[in-house]
Protein backbone atom coordinates (compact mmCIF):
# COMPACT_ATOMS: atom_id res chain seq x y z
CA MET A 1 0.00 0.00 0.00
CA GLU A 2 1.21 3.49 -0.78
CA VAL A 3 2.07 5.60 2.24
CA SER A 4 -0.32 8.35 1.13
CA LYS A 5 -3.21 5.84 1.01
CA ALA A 6 -2.29 4.49 4.46
CA PHE A 7 -2.09 8.05 5.80
CA GLY A 8 -5.55 8.77 4.43
CA ILE A 9 -7.06 5.68 6.02
CA ALA A 10 -5.47 6.44 9.39
CA LEU A 11 -6.53 10.09 9.22
CA ARG A 12 -10.13 9.19 8.39
CA LYS A 13 -10.32 6.65 11.23
CA LEU A 14 -8.92 9.17 13.70
CA ARG A 15 -11.22 11.95 12.51
CA ILE A 16 -14.28 9.76 12.81
CA SER A 17 -13.23 8.43 16.22
CA LYS A 18 -12.99 12.04 17.43
CA GLY A 19 -16.48 12.74 16.06
CA LEU A 20 -15.27 15.39 13.62
CA THR A 21 -16.43 16.18 10.11
CA GLN A 22 -13.86 16.98 7.45
CA GLU A 23 -14.92 20.60 7.73
CA GLN A 24 -14.44 20.65 11.51
CA LEU A 25 -11.02 19.01 11.27
CA GLY A 26 -10.05 21.45 8.54
CA PHE A 27 -11.07 24.37 10.72
CA GLU A 28 -9.13 23.05 13.73
CA ALA A 29 -6.03 22.34 11.61
CA ASP A 30 -6.33 25.54 9.53
CA LEU A 31 -6.70 23.47 6.35
CA ARG A 32 -9.42 23.42 3.70
CA ARG A 33 -12.05 20.71 3.82
CA THR A 34 -11.25 19.75 0.24
CA PHE A 35 -7.61 19.24 1.22
CA ILE A 36 -8.67 16.99 4.12
CA SER A 37 -10.76 14.99 1.65
CA SER A 38 -7.82 14.67 -0.76
CA LEU A 39 -5.58 13.50 2.09
CA GLU A 40 -8.12 10.90 3.19
CA LEU A 41 -8.43 9.60 -0.37
CA GLY A 42 -4.64 9.36 -0.69
CA GLU A 43 -4.62 11.88 -3.53
CA LYS A 44 -2.34 14.34 -1.71
CA LYS A 45 0.83 13.75 0.29
CA PRO A 46 1.04 15.68 3.57
CA SER A 47 4.06 17.78 4.49
CA LEU A 48 5.55 17.59 7.96
CA GLU A 49 3.84 20.89 8.74
CA THR A 50 0.49 19.43 7.68
CA ILE A 51 1.04 16.30 9.78
CA TYR A 52 1.87 18.55 12.74
CA GLN A 53 -1.26 20.67 12.25
CA LEU A 54 -3.45 17.58 11.97
CA ALA A 55 -1.93 15.97 15.05
CA ILE A 56 -2.59 19.10 17.11
CA ALA A 57 -6.17 19.31 15.80
CA LEU A 58 -6.69 15.63 16.67
CA ASP A 59 -5.09 16.15 20.09
CA LEU A 60 -2.36 13.54 19.72
CA PRO A 61 1.39 13.47 19.16
CA MET A 62 2.69 13.34 15.59
CA SER A 63 4.39 10.05 16.47
CA ARG A 64 1.01 8.47 17.29
CA LEU A 65 -0.44 9.57 13.96
CA LEU A 66 2.56 8.14 12.10
CA LYS A 67 2.39 4.92 14.12
CA LEU A 68 -1.20 4.47 12.97
CA VAL A 69 -0.07 4.99 9.36
CA GLU A 70 2.53 2.25 9.85
CA LYS A 71 -0.20 0.00 11.26
CA GLU A 72 -2.33 0.53 8.14
CA ILE A 73 0.62 -0.40 5.93
CA GLU A 74 1.20 -3.58 7.96
CA ILE A 75 -2.49 -4.51 7.77
CA SER A 76 -2.43 -4.15 3.99
CA LYS A 77 0.51 -6.58 3.74
CA LYS A 78 -1.48 -9.41 5.34
């Protein structure tokens, strides 16, 4: 699985678990809703700055977000 696809899956799961819409997450992270959608679909690749903004908006460390991405990649290998 591509890293950008795994990132999108992890981001979507986290967003939903926090009870946020794409628009709400975008507002909290100072990103556009359409960009959040593109990230979740794996169409865009996030910069470190974007990962940082999303982690803050989701109230978790960047390392936790990236660990969840790694988990999605491992799941796809099975």
